[in-house]
């Protein structure tokens, strides 16, 4: 392990602990990668120790106005992806932000999924499931049994012949349906289409677990509250795009919650 001063803009963390690799021969295509290392931002339990947790160190020095960070992933070359420490950028949001408490004890930014919906209709496929919101995952992933059922239900034609008629895929979280369009959950290369959901089987007690990777994070602006152990979600606002009303309410919530969720779905 090594120590060095870590600088992020004007923020300085003195003598920050990190692991150094002096031999990268085992990392495939490392010489072609556009980065030199990985900065982990999971919860402290995932860290090697408190001195390895960036957010813990920033809180100790009172360097941040708020003990959180937020993530905006661009949808095109017309804008840049951004991680903001200590603040929420409302200019990246096309809806109000709502919060969900972290569940589980793995150290991931993990929240509960109440169900999975297709075109807004709950399917009863997932009860008491959990999902890790992860900027380091390039796709969506989930338990192989449920992912197999989703592939059958979505019925994506291999030749893309039904692409324009594909349904929306939603995950019910805290009474809202976080919806993905067909372009978010499919890989479309020319005239070949397939569901871009990876099989991921994590045994109990840490699993079963879904992972929301880049396709989800491009659709939703996310905020990670280190102090209160919760994740915030809002529809992301992208340059040149009219945001869809992606946040809809689960039909099982009461009227008071329904009114609140409907407000959250209003375009700005």
C-alpha atoms as a PDB file:
ATOM      1  CA  UNK A   1       0.000   0.000   0.000  1.00  0.00           C
ATOM      2  CA  UNK A   2       1.031   3.603  -0.649  1.00  0.00           C
ATOM      3  CA  UNK A   3       0.238   7.109   0.564  1.00  0.00           C
ATOM      4  CA  UNK A   4       0.044  10.321  -1.405  1.00  0.00           C
ATOM      5  CA  UNK A   5      -1.908  13.573  -1.499  1.00  0.00           C
ATOM      6  CA  UNK A   6      -5.103  13.160  -3.550  1.00  0.00           C
ATOM      7  CA  UNK A   7      -6.395  16.218  -5.389  1.00  0.00           C
ATOM      8  CA  UNK A   8      -9.862  16.599  -6.914  1.00  0.00           C
ATOM      9  CA  UNK A   9     -10.185  20.149  -8.200  1.00  0.00           C
ATOM     10  CA  UNK A  10      -9.596  22.308  -5.121  1.00  0.00           C
ATOM     11  CA  UNK A  11     -10.130  19.411  -2.713  1.00  0.00           C
ATOM     12  CA  UNK A  12      -7.005  17.907  -1.188  1.00  0.00           C
ATOM     13  CA  UNK A  13      -6.901  14.707   0.874  1.00  0.00           C
ATOM     14  CA  UNK A  14      -3.484  14.473   2.480  1.00  0.00           C
ATOM     15  CA  UNK A  15      -1.715  11.129   2.714  1.00  0.00           C
ATOM     16  CA  UNK A  16      -4.547   9.156   1.158  1.00  0.00           C
ATOM     17  CA  UNK A  17      -4.058   5.388   1.276  1.00  0.00           C
ATOM     18  CA  UNK A  18      -4.294   3.354  -1.937  1.00  0.00           C
ATOM     19  CA  UNK A  19      -3.107   0.108  -3.475  1.00  0.00           C
ATOM     20  CA  UNK A  20      -0.397   0.344  -6.143  1.00  0.00           C
ATOM     21  CA  UNK A  21       0.101  -2.212  -8.915  1.00  0.00           C
ATOM     22  CA  UNK A  22       3.708  -2.470 -10.085  1.00  0.00           C
ATOM     23  CA  UNK A  23       2.948  -5.235 -12.595  1.00  0.00           C
ATOM     24  CA  UNK A  24      -0.024  -4.903 -14.960  1.00  0.00           C
ATOM     25  CA  UNK A  25       0.820  -7.848 -17.214  1.00  0.00           C
ATOM     26  CA  UNK A  26      -2.230  -9.708 -15.938  1.00  0.00           C
ATOM     27  CA  UNK A  27      -4.620  -6.896 -16.903  1.00  0.00           C
ATOM     28  CA  UNK A  28      -5.835  -7.538 -20.425  1.00  0.00           C
ATOM     29  CA  UNK A  29      -5.502  -4.561 -22.797  1.00  0.00           C
ATOM     30  CA  UNK A  30      -4.330  -2.307 -19.956  1.00  0.00           C
ATOM     31  CA  UNK A  31      -2.049  -0.418 -22.349  1.00  0.00           C
ATOM     32  CA  UNK A  32      -5.103   0.608 -24.386  1.00  0.00           C
ATOM     33  CA  UNK A  33      -7.121   1.900 -21.449  1.00  0.00           C
ATOM     34  CA  UNK A  34      -7.744   5.630 -21.060  1.00  0.00           C
ATOM     35  CA  UNK A  35      -7.251   5.634 -17.291  1.00  0.00           C
ATOM     36  CA  UNK A  36      -4.446   4.924 -14.854  1.00  0.00           C
ATOM     37  CA  UNK A  37      -6.412   3.499 -11.955  1.00  0.00           C
ATOM     38  CA  UNK A  38      -9.756   3.031 -10.218  1.00  0.00           C
ATOM     39  CA  UNK A  39     -11.171   5.347  -7.541  1.00  0.00           C
ATOM     40  CA  UNK A  40     -13.690   3.378  -5.492  1.00  0.00           C
ATOM     41  CA  UNK A  41     -16.682   5.258  -4.068  1.00  0.00           C
ATOM     42  CA  UNK A  42     -18.595   2.416  -2.436  1.00  0.00           C
ATOM     43  CA  UNK A  43     -19.694   2.541   1.202  1.00  0.00           C
ATOM     44  CA  UNK A  44     -16.949   2.262   3.872  1.00  0.00           C
ATOM     45  CA  UNK A  45     -17.574  -1.447   4.474  1.00  0.00           C
ATOM     46  CA  UNK A  46     -16.273  -2.173   0.982  1.00  0.00           C
ATOM     47  CA  UNK A  47     -12.999  -0.320   1.643  1.00  0.00           C
ATOM     48  CA  UNK A  48      -9.810  -1.922   2.936  1.00  0.00           C
ATOM     49  CA  UNK A  49     -10.107   0.430   5.920  1.00  0.00           C
ATOM     50  CA  UNK A  50     -11.335   3.918   6.788  1.00  0.00           C
ATOM     51  CA  UNK A  51      -8.125   5.465   5.456  1.00  0.00           C
ATOM     52  CA  UNK A  52      -8.919   3.950   2.029  1.00  0.00           C
ATOM     53  CA  UNK A  53     -12.450   5.450   1.861  1.00  0.00           C
ATOM     54  CA  UNK A  54     -12.389   8.788   0.032  1.00  0.00           C
ATOM     55  CA  UNK A  55     -15.789   9.946   1.294  1.00  0.00           C
ATOM     56  CA  UNK A  56     -14.864   9.073   4.885  1.00  0.00           C
ATOM     57  CA  UNK A  57     -11.644  11.085   4.611  1.00  0.00           C
ATOM     58  CA  UNK A  58     -13.467  14.044   3.044  1.00  0.00           C
ATOM     59  CA  UNK A  59     -16.024  14.028   5.854  1.00  0.00           C
ATOM     60  CA  UNK A  60     -13.285  13.928   8.483  1.00  0.00           C
ATOM     61  CA  UNK A  61     -11.736  17.085   7.056  1.00  0.00           C
ATOM     62  CA  UNK A  62     -15.110  18.862   6.629  1.00  0.00           C
ATOM     63  CA  UNK A  63     -14.038  19.589   3.054  1.00  0.00           C
ATOM     64  CA  UNK A  64     -17.533  19.016   1.627  1.00  0.00           C
ATOM     65  CA  UNK A  65     -20.605  21.167   2.122  1.00  0.00           C
ATOM     66  CA  UNK A  66     -22.658  17.968   2.111  1.00  0.00           C
ATOM     67  CA  UNK A  67     -21.422  14.420   2.624  1.00  0.00           C
ATOM     68  CA  UNK A  68     -22.556  13.120  -0.737  1.00  0.00           C
ATOM     69  CA  UNK A  69     -21.598  12.866  -4.384  1.00  0.00           C
ATOM     70  CA  UNK A  70     -23.708  12.832  -7.544  1.00  0.00           C
ATOM     71  CA  UNK A  71     -23.243  11.214 -10.946  1.00  0.00           C
ATOM     72  CA  UNK A  72     -24.340  12.387 -14.398  1.00  0.00           C
ATOM     73  CA  UNK A  73     -23.482  10.198 -17.383  1.00  0.00           C
ATOM     74  CA  UNK A  74     -23.693  11.795 -20.819  1.00  0.00           C
ATOM     75  CA  UNK A  75     -25.866  10.351 -23.532  1.00  0.00           C
ATOM     76  CA  UNK A  76     -23.873  11.767 -26.461  1.00  0.00           C
ATOM     77  CA  UNK A  77     -20.718  13.672 -27.435  1.00  0.00           C
ATOM     78  CA  UNK A  78     -22.678  16.913 -27.004  1.00  0.00           C
ATOM     79  CA  UNK A  79     -22.194  16.787 -23.228  1.00  0.00           C
ATOM     80  CA  UNK A  80     -19.690  15.526 -20.668  1.00  0.00           C
ATOM     81  CA  UNK A  81     -20.122  13.024 -17.869  1.00  0.00           C
ATOM     82  CA  UNK A  82     -19.611  14.442 -14.408  1.00  0.00           C
ATOM     83  CA  UNK A  83     -19.134  13.440 -10.785  1.00  0.00           C
ATOM     84  CA  UNK A  84     -19.835  16.220  -8.291  1.00  0.00           C
ATOM     85  CA  UNK A  85     -18.631  15.988  -4.697  1.00  0.00           C
ATOM     86  CA  UNK A  86     -20.662  17.683  -1.982  1.00  0.00           C
ATOM     87  CA  UNK A  87     -23.552  18.958  -4.114  1.00  0.00           C
ATOM     88  CA  UNK A  88     -26.524  18.073  -6.306  1.00  0.00           C
ATOM     89  CA  UNK A  89     -26.564  19.643  -9.795  1.00  0.00           C
ATOM     90  CA  UNK A  90     -30.192  20.486 -10.479  1.00  0.00           C
ATOM     91  CA  UNK A  91     -29.363  21.459 -14.054  1.00  0.00           C
ATOM     92  CA  UNK A  92     -28.827  17.754 -14.765  1.00  0.00           C
ATOM     93  CA  UNK A  93     -32.294  16.807 -13.478  1.00  0.00           C
ATOM     94  CA  UNK A  94     -35.515  16.637 -15.504  1.00  0.00           C
ATOM     95  CA  UNK A  95     -37.626  15.691 -12.456  1.00  0.00           C
ATOM     96  CA  UNK A  96     -37.610  16.039  -8.704  1.00  0.00           C
ATOM     97  CA  UNK A  97     -35.191  13.842  -6.758  1.00  0.00           C
ATOM     98  CA  UNK A  98     -36.504  11.075  -4.530  1.00  0.00           C
ATOM     99  CA  UNK A  99     -34.532   9.125  -1.940  1.00  0.00           C
ATOM    100  CA  UNK A 100     -34.299   5.411  -1.177  1.00  0.00           C
ATOM    101  CA  UNK A 101     -32.504   3.995   1.864  1.00  0.00           C
ATOM    102  CA  UNK A 102     -29.603   1.626   1.304  1.00  0.00           C
ATOM    103  CA  UNK A 103     -30.359  -1.979   2.254  1.00  0.00           C
ATOM    104  CA  UNK A 104     -28.051  -4.924   2.675  1.00  0.00           C
ATOM    105  CA  UNK A 105     -24.637  -5.109   4.299  1.00  0.00           C
ATOM    106  CA  UNK A 106     -22.310  -5.638   1.335  1.00  0.00           C
ATOM    107  CA  UNK A 107     -21.002  -2.077   1.066  1.00  0.00           C
ATOM    108  CA  UNK A 108     -22.599  -1.532  -2.349  1.00  0.00           C
ATOM    109  CA  UNK A 109     -25.006   1.336  -2.958  1.00  0.00           C
ATOM    110  CA  UNK A 110     -27.806  -1.185  -2.803  1.00  0.00           C
ATOM    111  CA  UNK A 111     -31.581  -0.544  -2.637  1.00  0.00           C
ATOM    112  CA  UNK A 112     -34.648  -2.743  -2.644  1.00  0.00           C
ATOM    113  CA  UNK A 113     -36.677  -3.556  -5.775  1.00  0.00           C
ATOM    114  CA  UNK A 114     -40.381  -4.186  -5.118  1.00  0.00           C
ATOM    115  CA  UNK A 115     -41.103  -5.704  -8.539  1.00  0.00           C
ATOM    116  CA  UNK A 116     -40.349  -5.518 -12.261  1.00  0.00           C
ATOM    117  CA  UNK A 117     -42.817  -3.924 -14.679  1.00  0.00           C
ATOM    118  CA  UNK A 118     -43.326  -4.200 -18.435  1.00  0.00           C
ATOM    119  CA  UNK A 119     -45.101  -1.230 -19.973  1.00  0.00           C
ATOM    120  CA  UNK A 120     -45.930  -0.107 -16.446  1.00  0.00           C
ATOM    121  CA  UNK A 121     -47.565  -3.382 -15.392  1.00  0.00           C
ATOM    122  CA  UNK A 122     -45.971  -5.239 -12.434  1.00  0.00           C
ATOM    123  CA  UNK A 123     -45.026  -8.784 -13.438  1.00  0.00           C
ATOM    124  CA  UNK A 124     -44.615 -10.438 -10.025  1.00  0.00           C
ATOM    125  CA  UNK A 125     -41.142 -11.585 -11.062  1.00  0.00           C
ATOM    126  CA  UNK A 126     -39.215 -10.055  -8.220  1.00  0.00           C
ATOM    127  CA  UNK A 127     -40.261  -9.828  -4.586  1.00  0.00           C
ATOM    128  CA  UNK A 128     -37.797  -8.533  -2.034  1.00  0.00           C
ATOM    129  CA  UNK A 129     -35.047  -8.218  -4.648  1.00  0.00           C
ATOM    130  CA  UNK A 130     -32.143  -5.827  -4.323  1.00  0.00           C
ATOM    131  CA  UNK A 131     -30.122  -3.829  -6.814  1.00  0.00           C
ATOM    132  CA  UNK A 132     -26.644  -2.285  -6.620  1.00  0.00           C
ATOM    133  CA  UNK A 133     -26.305   1.029  -8.444  1.00  0.00           C
ATOM    134  CA  UNK A 134     -22.823   0.757  -9.945  1.00  0.00           C
ATOM    135  CA  UNK A 135     -20.975   3.215 -12.192  1.00  0.00           C
ATOM    136  CA  UNK A 136     -18.333   0.560 -12.859  1.00  0.00           C
ATOM    137  CA  UNK A 137     -20.651  -1.854 -14.678  1.00  0.00           C
ATOM    138  CA  UNK A 138     -21.198  -1.402 -18.416  1.00  0.00           C
ATOM    139  CA  UNK A 139     -24.519  -3.260 -18.623  1.00  0.00           C
ATOM    140  CA  UNK A 140     -27.530  -4.283 -16.599  1.00  0.00           C
ATOM    141  CA  UNK A 141     -27.249  -7.560 -14.719  1.00  0.00           C
ATOM    142  CA  UNK A 142     -29.426  -9.816 -12.588  1.00  0.00           C
ATOM    143  CA  UNK A 143     -30.136 -13.351 -11.348  1.00  0.00           C
ATOM    144  CA  UNK A 144     -30.102 -15.782 -14.288  1.00  0.00           C
ATOM    145  CA  UNK A 145     -33.577 -17.186 -13.542  1.00  0.00           C
ATOM    146  CA  UNK A 146     -35.256 -13.779 -13.543  1.00  0.00           C
ATOM    147  CA  UNK A 147     -33.176 -12.497 -16.470  1.00  0.00           C
ATOM    148  CA  UNK A 148     -34.276 -15.557 -18.465  1.00  0.00           C
ATOM    149  CA  UNK A 149     -37.917 -14.787 -17.674  1.00  0.00           C
ATOM    150  CA  UNK A 150     -37.382 -11.182 -18.759  1.00  0.00           C
ATOM    151  CA  UNK A 151     -35.838 -12.246 -22.054  1.00  0.00           C
ATOM    152  CA  UNK A 152     -38.944 -14.347 -22.746  1.00  0.00           C
ATOM    153  CA  UNK A 153     -41.336 -11.585 -21.685  1.00  0.00           C
ATOM    154  CA  UNK A 154     -39.585  -8.827 -23.670  1.00  0.00           C
ATOM    155  CA  UNK A 155     -39.415 -11.075 -26.757  1.00  0.00           C
ATOM    156  CA  UNK A 156     -36.696  -9.136 -28.597  1.00  0.00           C
ATOM    157  CA  UNK A 157     -36.465 -10.467 -32.171  1.00  0.00           C
ATOM    158  CA  UNK A 158     -32.913 -11.349 -33.176  1.00  0.00           C
ATOM    159  CA  UNK A 159     -33.389  -9.618 -36.549  1.00  0.00           C
ATOM    160  CA  UNK A 160     -34.735  -6.444 -34.850  1.00  0.00           C
ATOM    161  CA  UNK A 161     -38.012  -6.790 -36.744  1.00  0.00           C
ATOM    162  CA  UNK A 162     -40.077  -5.845 -33.663  1.00  0.00           C
ATOM    163  CA  UNK A 163     -37.711  -3.223 -32.212  1.00  0.00           C
ATOM    164  CA  UNK A 164     -40.139  -0.330 -32.723  1.00  0.00           C
ATOM    165  CA  UNK A 165     -42.866  -2.258 -30.891  1.00  0.00           C
ATOM    166  CA  UNK A 166     -40.833  -3.411 -27.887  1.00  0.00           C
ATOM    167  CA  UNK A 167     -42.219  -2.547 -24.429  1.00  0.00           C
ATOM    168  CA  UNK A 168     -40.646  -0.411 -21.762  1.00  0.00           C
ATOM    169  CA  UNK A 169     -38.877  -2.217 -18.930  1.00  0.00           C
ATOM    170  CA  UNK A 170     -39.350  -0.839 -15.433  1.00  0.00           C
ATOM    171  CA  UNK A 171     -38.079  -1.524 -11.938  1.00  0.00           C
ATOM    172  CA  UNK A 172     -40.430  -0.611  -9.095  1.00  0.00           C
ATOM    173  CA  UNK A 173     -38.445   1.204  -6.413  1.00  0.00           C
ATOM    174  CA  UNK A 174     -40.100   2.996  -3.476  1.00  0.00           C
ATOM    175  CA  UNK A 175     -43.426   3.177  -5.293  1.00  0.00           C
ATOM    176  CA  UNK A 176     -41.984   4.594  -8.520  1.00  0.00           C
ATOM    177  CA  UNK A 177     -41.296   2.716 -11.714  1.00  0.00           C
ATOM    178  CA  UNK A 178     -37.811   3.514 -12.998  1.00  0.00           C
ATOM    179  CA  UNK A 179     -38.369   2.897 -16.681  1.00  0.00           C
ATOM    180  CA  UNK A 180     -35.933   1.962 -19.439  1.00  0.00           C
ATOM    181  CA  UNK A 181     -36.692   2.294 -23.156  1.00  0.00           C
ATOM    182  CA  UNK A 182     -35.881  -0.537 -25.616  1.00  0.00           C
ATOM    183  CA  UNK A 183     -32.705   1.282 -26.656  1.00  0.00           C
ATOM    184  CA  UNK A 184     -31.555   1.122 -23.009  1.00  0.00           C
ATOM    185  CA  UNK A 185     -31.984  -2.617 -22.505  1.00  0.00           C
ATOM    186  CA  UNK A 186     -31.044  -3.947 -25.942  1.00  0.00           C
ATOM    187  CA  UNK A 187     -27.829  -4.167 -27.947  1.00  0.00           C
ATOM    188  CA  UNK A 188     -28.644  -3.225 -31.546  1.00  0.00           C
ATOM    189  CA  UNK A 189     -25.874  -3.768 -34.095  1.00  0.00           C
ATOM    190  CA  UNK A 190     -27.119  -3.326 -37.628  1.00  0.00           C
ATOM    191  CA  UNK A 191     -29.932  -5.831 -38.075  1.00  0.00           C
ATOM    192  CA  UNK A 192     -29.035  -7.871 -35.006  1.00  0.00           C
ATOM    193  CA  UNK A 193     -30.678  -7.300 -31.620  1.00  0.00           C
ATOM    194  CA  UNK A 194     -30.370  -8.940 -28.223  1.00  0.00           C
ATOM    195  CA  UNK A 195     -31.329  -8.131 -24.648  1.00  0.00           C
ATOM    196  CA  UNK A 196     -28.346  -6.540 -22.894  1.00  0.00           C
ATOM    197  CA  UNK A 197     -29.020  -8.123 -19.520  1.00  0.00           C
ATOM    198  CA  UNK A 198     -26.149 -10.171 -18.103  1.00  0.00           C
ATOM    199  CA  UNK A 199     -26.643 -13.226 -15.912  1.00  0.00           C
ATOM    200  CA  UNK A 200     -25.297 -12.587 -12.424  1.00  0.00           C
ATOM    201  CA  UNK A 201     -25.846 -15.183  -9.711  1.00  0.00           C
ATOM    202  CA  UNK A 202     -24.677 -14.045  -6.274  1.00  0.00           C
ATOM    203  CA  UNK A 203     -25.576 -16.528  -3.520  1.00  0.00           C
ATOM    204  CA  UNK A 204     -27.207 -15.490  -0.215  1.00  0.00           C
ATOM    205  CA  UNK A 205     -26.744 -13.620   2.023  1.00  0.00           C
ATOM    206  CA  UNK A 206     -25.218 -11.041  -0.350  1.00  0.00           C
ATOM    207  CA  UNK A 207     -27.515 -12.063  -3.209  1.00  0.00           C
ATOM    208  CA  UNK A 208     -29.561 -12.455  -5.239  1.00  0.00           C
ATOM    209  CA  UNK A 209     -28.687  -9.053  -6.625  1.00  0.00           C
ATOM    210  CA  UNK A 210     -29.365  -6.929  -9.700  1.00  0.00           C
ATOM    211  CA  UNK A 211     -26.866  -4.343 -10.935  1.00  0.00           C
ATOM    212  CA  UNK A 212     -27.853  -1.050 -12.555  1.00  0.00           C
ATOM    213  CA  UNK A 213     -24.918  -0.122 -14.781  1.00  0.00           C
ATOM    214  CA  UNK A 214     -24.285   2.492 -17.449  1.00  0.00           C
ATOM    215  CA  UNK A 215     -27.572   2.142 -19.436  1.00  0.00           C
ATOM    216  CA  UNK A 216     -29.526   2.951 -16.271  1.00  0.00           C
ATOM    217  CA  UNK A 217     -27.170   5.711 -15.143  1.00  0.00           C
ATOM    218  CA  UNK A 218     -27.473   7.480 -18.491  1.00  0.00           C
ATOM    219  CA  UNK A 219     -31.233   7.524 -18.051  1.00  0.00           C
ATOM    220  CA  UNK A 220     -31.208   8.584 -14.386  1.00  0.00           C
ATOM    221  CA  UNK A 221     -29.223  11.142 -12.430  1.00  0.00           C
ATOM    222  CA  UNK A 222     -28.122   9.568  -9.152  1.00  0.00           C
ATOM    223  CA  UNK A 223     -26.984  10.968  -5.810  1.00  0.00           C
ATOM    224  CA  UNK A 224     -25.123   8.969  -3.160  1.00  0.00           C
ATOM    225  CA  UNK A 225     -25.611  10.243   0.390  1.00  0.00           C
ATOM    226  CA  UNK A 226     -22.694   8.925   2.431  1.00  0.00           C
ATOM    227  CA  UNK A 227     -23.948  10.454   5.718  1.00  0.00           C
ATOM    228  CA  UNK A 228     -27.515   9.131   5.621  1.00  0.00           C
ATOM    229  CA  UNK A 229     -26.804   5.938   3.637  1.00  0.00           C
ATOM    230  CA  UNK A 230     -29.331   6.522   0.872  1.00  0.00           C
ATOM    231  CA  UNK A 231     -29.484   6.908  -2.918  1.00  0.00           C
ATOM    232  CA  UNK A 232     -31.367   9.643  -4.775  1.00  0.00           C
ATOM    233  CA  UNK A 233     -32.897   9.187  -8.236  1.00  0.00           C
ATOM    234  CA  UNK A 234     -34.107  11.720 -10.808  1.00  0.00           C
ATOM    235  CA  UNK A 235     -34.676  11.611 -14.553  1.00  0.00           C
ATOM    236  CA  UNK A 236     -31.493  12.852 -16.247  1.00  0.00           C
ATOM    237  CA  UNK A 237     -31.683  15.935 -18.461  1.00  0.00           C
ATOM    238  CA  UNK A 238     -29.678  15.580 -21.674  1.00  0.00           C
ATOM    239  CA  UNK A 239     -28.716  18.175 -24.278  1.00  0.00           C
ATOM    240  CA  UNK A 240     -31.042  18.203 -27.282  1.00  0.00           C
ATOM    241  CA  UNK A 241     -33.461  15.663 -25.801  1.00  0.00           C
ATOM    242  CA  UNK A 242     -36.995  16.125 -24.573  1.00  0.00           C
ATOM    243  CA  UNK A 243     -37.120  14.105 -21.327  1.00  0.00           C
ATOM    244  CA  UNK A 244     -39.782  11.455 -21.142  1.00  0.00           C
ATOM    245  CA  UNK A 245     -42.077  11.129 -18.157  1.00  0.00           C
ATOM    246  CA  UNK A 246     -40.186   8.092 -16.918  1.00  0.00           C
ATOM    247  CA  UNK A 247     -41.156   8.238 -13.272  1.00  0.00           C
ATOM    248  CA  UNK A 248     -44.608   6.754 -12.873  1.00  0.00           C
ATOM    249  CA  UNK A 249     -46.359   5.435  -9.823  1.00  0.00           C
ATOM    250  CA  UNK A 250     -46.915   1.816  -8.832  1.00  0.00           C
ATOM    251  CA  UNK A 251     -50.667   1.184  -8.784  1.00  0.00           C
ATOM    252  CA  UNK A 252     -50.445  -0.418  -5.346  1.00  0.00           C
ATOM    253  CA  UNK A 253     -49.448   2.760  -3.461  1.00  0.00           C
ATOM    254  CA  UNK A 254     -52.052   4.884  -1.685  1.00  0.00           C
ATOM    255  CA  UNK A 255     -53.483   8.106  -3.093  1.00  0.00           C
ATOM    256  CA  UNK A 256     -51.229  10.420  -1.089  1.00  0.00           C
ATOM    257  CA  UNK A 257     -48.132   8.674  -2.400  1.00  0.00           C
ATOM    258  CA  UNK A 258     -49.647   8.595  -5.888  1.00  0.00           C
ATOM    259  CA  UNK A 259     -50.101  12.371  -5.893  1.00  0.00           C
ATOM    260  CA  UNK A 260     -46.490  12.835  -4.800  1.00  0.00           C
ATOM    261  CA  UNK A 261     -45.125  10.415  -7.380  1.00  0.00           C
ATOM    262  CA  UNK A 262     -47.204  12.007 -10.155  1.00  0.00           C
ATOM    263  CA  UNK A 263     -45.656  15.338  -9.266  1.00  0.00           C
ATOM    264  CA  UNK A 264     -42.222  13.790  -9.475  1.00  0.00           C
ATOM    265  CA  UNK A 265     -42.978  12.680 -13.011  1.00  0.00           C
ATOM    266  CA  UNK A 266     -43.844  16.155 -14.252  1.00  0.00           C
ATOM    267  CA  UNK A 267     -41.564  17.529 -16.954  1.00  0.00           C
ATOM    268  CA  UNK A 268     -39.622  20.614 -16.099  1.00  0.00           C
END
